[in-house]
Amino acid sequence: MTEDVSLEFLSRQLDRVLTRLGAIEDQITVLTGMAIRHDGSLTGLATEFRGLAQALNRADHRLRKLEDQ
């Protein structure tokens, strides 16, 4: 049993995968920053904030994309 798969379907699926991958990268950055910060370093705090900023930017981009539809 085969189903026809359109390029549009594949495009949406790839977009979902890339969005989730980006969110995971942001989470890893935040968690890395938290771990470094527990070590007593200001570098960890900066890394944590960088990850949070990336996550917020990604959420803002997704919201704007939904608003444009």
PDB file of N, CA and C in Angstrom:
ATOM      1  N   MET A   1       0.845  -1.175   0.000  1.00  0.00           N
ATOM      2  CA  MET A   1       0.000   0.000   0.000  1.00  0.00           C
ATOM      3  C   MET A   1       0.892   1.241   0.000  1.00  0.00           C
ATOM      4  N   THR A   2       0.833   2.011  -1.047  1.00  0.00           N
ATOM      5  CA  THR A   2       1.659   3.212  -1.129  1.00  0.00           C
ATOM      6  C   THR A   2       0.761   4.439  -1.128  1.00  0.00           C
ATOM      7  N   GLU A   3       1.315   5.503  -0.596  1.00  0.00           N
ATOM      8  CA  GLU A   3       0.596   6.770  -0.575  1.00  0.00           C
ATOM      9  C   GLU A   3       1.417   7.790  -1.343  1.00  0.00           C
ATOM     10  N   ASP A   4       0.725   8.660  -2.039  1.00  0.00           N
ATOM     11  CA  ASP A   4       1.421   9.725  -2.746  1.00  0.00           C
ATOM     12  C   ASP A   4       1.866  10.779  -1.738  1.00  0.00           C
ATOM     13  N   VAL A   5       3.117  11.154  -1.836  1.00  0.00           N
ATOM     14  CA  VAL A   5       3.669  12.165  -0.945  1.00  0.00           C
ATOM     15  C   VAL A   5       4.067  13.361  -1.809  1.00  0.00           C
ATOM     16  N   SER A   6       3.500  14.498  -1.489  1.00  0.00           N
ATOM     17  CA  SER A   6       3.770  15.692  -2.283  1.00  0.00           C
ATOM     18  C   SER A   6       4.984  16.430  -1.734  1.00  0.00           C
ATOM     19  N   LEU A   7       5.533  17.281  -2.556  1.00  0.00           N
ATOM     20  CA  LEU A   7       6.655  18.108  -2.126  1.00  0.00           C
ATOM     21  C   LEU A   7       6.224  19.074  -1.026  1.00  0.00           C
ATOM     22  N   GLU A   8       4.988  19.508  -1.082  1.00  0.00           N
ATOM     23  CA  GLU A   8       4.470  20.408  -0.046  1.00  0.00           C
ATOM     24  C   GLU A   8       4.452  19.705   1.314  1.00  0.00           C
ATOM     25  N   PHE A   9       4.016  18.447   1.324  1.00  0.00           N
ATOM     26  CA  PHE A   9       3.997  17.663   2.555  1.00  0.00           C
ATOM     27  C   PHE A   9       5.414  17.501   3.098  1.00  0.00           C
ATOM     28  N   LEU A  10       6.343  17.136   2.224  1.00  0.00           N
ATOM     29  CA  LEU A  10       7.733  16.976   2.646  1.00  0.00           C
ATOM     30  C   LEU A  10       8.315  18.281   3.168  1.00  0.00           C
ATOM     31  N   SER A  11       7.949  19.374   2.538  1.00  0.00           N
ATOM     32  CA  SER A  11       8.430  20.691   2.969  1.00  0.00           C
ATOM     33  C   SER A  11       7.933  21.019   4.373  1.00  0.00           C
ATOM     34  N   ARG A  12       6.649  20.758   4.629  1.00  0.00           N
ATOM     35  CA  ARG A  12       6.092  21.009   5.967  1.00  0.00           C
ATOM     36  C   ARG A  12       6.758  20.133   7.024  1.00  0.00           C
ATOM     37  N   GLN A  13       6.973  18.861   6.681  1.00  0.00           N
ATOM     38  CA  GLN A  13       7.611  17.949   7.624  1.00  0.00           C
ATOM     39  C   GLN A  13       9.050  18.385   7.920  1.00  0.00           C
ATOM     40  N   LEU A  14       9.772  18.781   6.890  1.00  0.00           N
ATOM     41  CA  LEU A  14      11.147  19.237   7.083  1.00  0.00           C
ATOM     42  C   LEU A  14      11.181  20.503   7.925  1.00  0.00           C
ATOM     43  N   ASP A  15      10.231  21.385   7.700  1.00  0.00           N
ATOM     44  CA  ASP A  15      10.148  22.610   8.504  1.00  0.00           C
ATOM     45  C   ASP A  15       9.902  22.271   9.968  1.00  0.00           C
ATOM     46  N   ARG A  16       9.022  21.305  10.246  1.00  0.00           N
ATOM     47  CA  ARG A  16       8.764  20.869  11.625  1.00  0.00           C
ATOM     48  C   ARG A  16      10.017  20.300  12.272  1.00  0.00           C
ATOM     49  N   VAL A  17      10.736  19.468  11.521  1.00  0.00           N
ATOM     50  CA  VAL A  17      11.952  18.851  12.057  1.00  0.00           C
ATOM     51  C   VAL A  17      12.997  19.922  12.359  1.00  0.00           C
ATOM     52  N   LEU A  18      13.178  20.862  11.451  1.00  0.00           N
ATOM     53  CA  LEU A  18      14.167  21.919  11.661  1.00  0.00           C
ATOM     54  C   LEU A  18      13.778  22.836  12.813  1.00  0.00           C
ATOM     55  N   THR A  19      12.494  23.080  12.974  1.00  0.00           N
ATOM     56  CA  THR A  19      12.027  23.897  14.095  1.00  0.00           C
ATOM     57  C   THR A  19      12.316  23.202  15.420  1.00  0.00           C
ATOM     58  N   ARG A  20      12.011  21.917  15.484  1.00  0.00           N
ATOM     59  CA  ARG A  20      12.287  21.161  16.711  1.00  0.00           C
ATOM     60  C   ARG A  20      13.778  21.075  16.985  1.00  0.00           C
ATOM     61  N   LEU A  21      14.567  20.888  15.931  1.00  0.00           N
ATOM     62  CA  LEU A  21      16.019  20.823  16.101  1.00  0.00           C
ATOM     63  C   LEU A  21      16.551  22.140  16.659  1.00  0.00           C
ATOM     64  N   GLY A  22      16.040  23.243  16.145  1.00  0.00           N
ATOM     65  CA  GLY A  22      16.451  24.555  16.654  1.00  0.00           C
ATOM     66  C   GLY A  22      16.086  24.734  18.109  1.00  0.00           C
ATOM     67  N   ALA A  23      14.899  24.272  18.484  1.00  0.00           N
ATOM     68  CA  ALA A  23      14.476  24.376  19.883  1.00  0.00           C
ATOM     69  C   ALA A  23      15.365  23.528  20.784  1.00  0.00           C
ATOM     70  N   ILE A  24      15.737  22.350  20.309  1.00  0.00           N
ATOM     71  CA  ILE A  24      16.630  21.489  21.094  1.00  0.00           C
ATOM     72  C   ILE A  24      18.000  22.147  21.247  1.00  0.00           C
ATOM     73  N   GLU A  25      18.497  22.758  20.180  1.00  0.00           N
ATOM     74  CA  GLU A  25      19.785  23.464  20.266  1.00  0.00           C
ATOM     75  C   GLU A  25      19.723  24.586  21.296  1.00  0.00           C
ATOM     76  N   ASP A  26      18.613  25.326  21.299  1.00  0.00           N
ATOM     77  CA  ASP A  26      18.450  26.406  22.278  1.00  0.00           C
ATOM     78  C   ASP A  26      18.436  25.847  23.700  1.00  0.00           C
ATOM     79  N   GLN A  27      17.734  24.750  23.895  1.00  0.00           N
ATOM     80  CA  GLN A  27      17.674  24.138  25.224  1.00  0.00           C
ATOM     81  C   GLN A  27      19.047  23.656  25.674  1.00  0.00           C
ATOM     82  N   ILE A  28      19.804  23.076  24.763  1.00  0.00           N
ATOM     83  CA  ILE A  28      21.153  22.619  25.099  1.00  0.00           C
ATOM     84  C   ILE A  28      22.031  23.799  25.485  1.00  0.00           C
ATOM     85  N   THR A  29      21.904  24.912  24.770  1.00  0.00           N
ATOM     86  CA  THR A  29      22.693  26.103  25.094  1.00  0.00           C
ATOM     87  C   THR A  29      22.352  26.608  26.487  1.00  0.00           C
ATOM     88  N   VAL A  30      21.063  26.665  26.803  1.00  0.00           N
ATOM     89  CA  VAL A  30      20.634  27.129  28.128  1.00  0.00           C
ATOM     90  C   VAL A  30      21.158  26.192  29.213  1.00  0.00           C
ATOM     91  N   LEU A  31      20.997  24.892  29.013  1.00  0.00           N
ATOM     92  CA  LEU A  31      21.441  23.930  30.021  1.00  0.00           C
ATOM     93  C   LEU A  31      22.959  23.952  30.191  1.00  0.00           C
ATOM     94  N   THR A  32      23.691  24.138  29.101  1.00  0.00           N
ATOM     95  CA  THR A  32      25.144  24.250  29.196  1.00  0.00           C
ATOM     96  C   THR A  32      25.530  25.474  30.009  1.00  0.00           C
ATOM     97  N   GLY A  33      24.846  26.582  29.737  1.00  0.00           N
ATOM     98  CA  GLY A  33      25.103  27.800  30.502  1.00  0.00           C
ATOM     99  C   GLY A  33      24.811  27.626  31.978  1.00  0.00           C
ATOM    100  N   MET A  34      23.733  26.908  32.293  1.00  0.00           N
ATOM    101  CA  MET A  34      23.396  26.664  33.694  1.00  0.00           C
ATOM    102  C   MET A  34      24.473  25.817  34.370  1.00  0.00           C
ATOM    103  N   ALA A  35      24.955  24.802  33.653  1.00  0.00           N
ATOM    104  CA  ALA A  35      25.987  23.932  34.222  1.00  0.00           C
ATOM    105  C   ALA A  35      27.279  24.706  34.454  1.00  0.00           C
ATOM    106  N   ILE A  36      27.654  25.536  33.500  1.00  0.00           N
ATOM    107  CA  ILE A  36      28.872  26.329  33.651  1.00  0.00           C
ATOM    108  C   ILE A  36      28.709  27.331  34.783  1.00  0.00           C
ATOM    109  N   ARG A  37      27.518  27.922  34.894  1.00  0.00           N
ATOM    110  CA  ARG A  37      27.270  28.913  35.944  1.00  0.00           C
ATOM    111  C   ARG A  37      27.395  28.289  37.329  1.00  0.00           C
ATOM    112  N   HIS A  38      26.955  27.062  37.462  1.00  0.00           N
ATOM    113  CA  HIS A  38      27.088  26.377  38.749  1.00  0.00           C
ATOM    114  C   HIS A  38      28.548  26.159  39.101  1.00  0.00           C
ATOM    115  N   ASP A  39      29.380  26.250  38.104  1.00  0.00           N
ATOM    116  CA  ASP A  39      30.820  26.134  38.309  1.00  0.00           C
ATOM    117  C   ASP A  39      31.396  27.441  38.843  1.00  0.00           C
ATOM    118  N   GLY A  40      30.595  28.490  38.870  1.00  0.00           N
ATOM    119  CA  GLY A  40      31.036  29.765  39.431  1.00  0.00           C
ATOM    120  C   GLY A  40      31.579  30.731  38.402  1.00  0.00           C
ATOM    121  N   SER A  41      31.209  30.540  37.141  1.00  0.00           N
ATOM    122  CA  SER A  41      31.770  31.362  36.077  1.00  0.00           C
ATOM    123  C   SER A  41      30.706  32.288  35.485  1.00  0.00           C
ATOM    124  N   LEU A  42      31.087  33.518  35.197  1.00  0.00           N
ATOM    125  CA  LEU A  42      30.173  34.446  34.526  1.00  0.00           C
ATOM    126  C   LEU A  42      29.960  34.047  33.071  1.00  0.00           C
ATOM    127  N   THR A  43      30.871  33.291  32.522  1.00  0.00           N
ATOM    128  CA  THR A  43      30.719  32.808  31.149  1.00  0.00           C
ATOM    129  C   THR A  43      29.458  31.955  31.032  1.00  0.00           C
ATOM    130  N   GLY A  44      29.185  31.165  32.055  1.00  0.00           N
ATOM    131  CA  GLY A  44      27.991  30.328  32.042  1.00  0.00           C
ATOM    132  C   GLY A  44      26.722  31.148  32.013  1.00  0.00           C
ATOM    133  N   LEU A  45      26.704  32.242  32.749  1.00  0.00           N
ATOM    134  CA  LEU A  45      25.532  33.112  32.757  1.00  0.00           C
ATOM    135  C   LEU A  45      25.317  33.722  31.376  1.00  0.00           C
ATOM    136  N   ALA A  46      26.402  34.150  30.749  1.00  0.00           N
ATOM    137  CA  ALA A  46      26.297  34.718  29.394  1.00  0.00           C
ATOM    138  C   ALA A  46      25.805  33.668  28.411  1.00  0.00           C
ATOM    139  N   THR A  47      26.296  32.457  28.523  1.00  0.00           N
ATOM    140  CA  THR A  47      25.860  31.375  27.635  1.00  0.00           C
ATOM    141  C   THR A  47      24.384  31.070  27.839  1.00  0.00           C
ATOM    142  N   GLU A  48      23.972  31.050  29.099  1.00  0.00           N
ATOM    143  CA  GLU A  48      22.567  30.787  29.411  1.00  0.00           C
ATOM    144  C   GLU A  48      21.667  31.871  28.806  1.00  0.00           C
ATOM    145  N   PHE A  49      22.042  33.130  28.977  1.00  0.00           N
ATOM    146  CA  PHE A  49      21.247  34.222  28.418  1.00  0.00           C
ATOM    147  C   PHE A  49      21.233  34.182  26.893  1.00  0.00           C
ATOM    148  N   ARG A  50      22.353  33.800  26.290  1.00  0.00           N
ATOM    149  CA  ARG A  50      22.408  33.695  24.834  1.00  0.00           C
ATOM    150  C   ARG A  50      21.418  32.643  24.348  1.00  0.00           C
ATOM    151  N   GLY A  51      21.368  31.517  25.030  1.00  0.00           N
ATOM    152  CA  GLY A  51      20.424  30.464  24.658  1.00  0.00           C
ATOM    153  C   GLY A  51      18.985  30.895  24.834  1.00  0.00           C
ATOM    154  N   LEU A  52      18.700  31.598  25.925  1.00  0.00           N
ATOM    155  CA  LEU A  52      17.335  32.101  26.145  1.00  0.00           C
ATOM    156  C   LEU A  52      16.950  33.112  25.071  1.00  0.00           C
ATOM    157  N   ALA A  53      17.876  33.976  24.692  1.00  0.00           N
ATOM    158  CA  ALA A  53      17.602  34.969  23.650  1.00  0.00           C
ATOM    159  C   ALA A  53      17.327  34.277  22.320  1.00  0.00           C
ATOM    160  N   GLN A  54      18.096  33.232  22.006  1.00  0.00           N
ATOM    161  CA  GLN A  54      17.869  32.496  20.766  1.00  0.00           C
ATOM    162  C   GLN A  54      16.497  31.832  20.775  1.00  0.00           C
ATOM    163  N   ALA A  55      16.123  31.274  21.918  1.00  0.00           N
ATOM    164  CA  ALA A  55      14.814  30.629  22.030  1.00  0.00           C
ATOM    165  C   ALA A  55      13.685  31.645  21.850  1.00  0.00           C
ATOM    166  N   LEU A  56      13.841  32.818  22.441  1.00  0.00           N
ATOM    167  CA  LEU A  56      12.824  33.868  22.289  1.00  0.00           C
ATOM    168  C   LEU A  56      12.746  34.357  20.847  1.00  0.00           C
ATOM    169  N   ASN A  57      13.885  34.515  20.200  1.00  0.00           N
ATOM    170  CA  ASN A  57      13.894  34.936  18.797  1.00  0.00           C
ATOM    171  C   ASN A  57      13.223  33.903  17.917  1.00  0.00           C
ATOM    172  N   ARG A  58      13.475  32.626  18.198  1.00  0.00           N
ATOM    173  CA  ARG A  58      12.860  31.558  17.416  1.00  0.00           C
ATOM    174  C   ARG A  58      11.338  31.561  17.617  1.00  0.00           C
ATOM    175  N   ALA A  59      10.884  31.749  18.858  1.00  0.00           N
ATOM    176  CA  ALA A  59       9.444  31.808  19.130  1.00  0.00           C
ATOM    177  C   ALA A  59       8.818  33.014  18.442  1.00  0.00           C
ATOM    178  N   ASP A  60       9.505  34.138  18.450  1.00  0.00           N
ATOM    179  CA  ASP A  60       9.008  35.345  17.784  1.00  0.00           C
ATOM    180  C   ASP A  60       8.889  35.111  16.283  1.00  0.00           C
ATOM    181  N   HIS A  61       9.875  34.436  15.699  1.00  0.00           N
ATOM    182  CA  HIS A  61       9.853  34.146  14.270  1.00  0.00           C
ATOM    183  C   HIS A  61       8.663  33.240  13.923  1.00  0.00           C
ATOM    184  N   ARG A  62       8.425  32.216  14.772  1.00  0.00           N
ATOM    185  CA  ARG A  62       7.299  31.317  14.533  1.00  0.00           C
ATOM    186  C   ARG A  62       5.971  32.050  14.652  1.00  0.00           C
ATOM    187  N   LEU A  63       5.851  32.971  15.630  1.00  0.00           N
ATOM    188  CA  LEU A  63       4.632  33.740  15.807  1.00  0.00           C
ATOM    189  C   LEU A  63       4.382  34.643  14.605  1.00  0.00           C
ATOM    190  N   ARG A  64       5.433  35.308  14.131  1.00  0.00           N
ATOM    191  CA  ARG A  64       5.276  36.186  12.955  1.00  0.00           C
ATOM    192  C   ARG A  64       4.878  35.366  11.724  1.00  0.00           C
ATOM    193  N   LYS A  65       5.432  34.157  11.599  1.00  0.00           N
ATOM    194  CA  LYS A  65       5.095  33.287  10.482  1.00  0.00           C
ATOM    195  C   LYS A  65       3.620  32.900  10.525  1.00  0.00           C
ATOM    196  N   LEU A  66       3.103  32.625  11.736  1.00  0.00           N
ATOM    197  CA  LEU A  66       1.679  32.293  11.881  1.00  0.00           C
ATOM    198  C   LEU A  66       0.795  33.507  11.589  1.00  0.00           C
ATOM    199  N   GLU A  67       1.248  34.686  12.003  1.00  0.00           N
ATOM    200  CA  GLU A  67       0.464  35.897  11.763  1.00  0.00           C
ATOM    201  C   GLU A  67       0.368  36.201  10.271  1.00  0.00           C
ATOM    202  N   ASP A  68       1.393  35.841   9.501  1.00  0.00           N
ATOM    203  CA  ASP A  68       1.422  36.129   8.071  1.00  0.00           C
ATOM    204  C   ASP A  68       0.517  35.189   7.260  1.00  0.00           C
ATOM    205  N   GLN A  69       0.116  34.086   7.883  1.00  0.00           N
ATOM    206  CA  GLN A  69      -0.731  33.112   7.152  1.00  0.00           C
ATOM    207  C   GLN A  69      -2.142  33.574   7.025  1.00  0.00           C
TER     208      GLN A  69
END
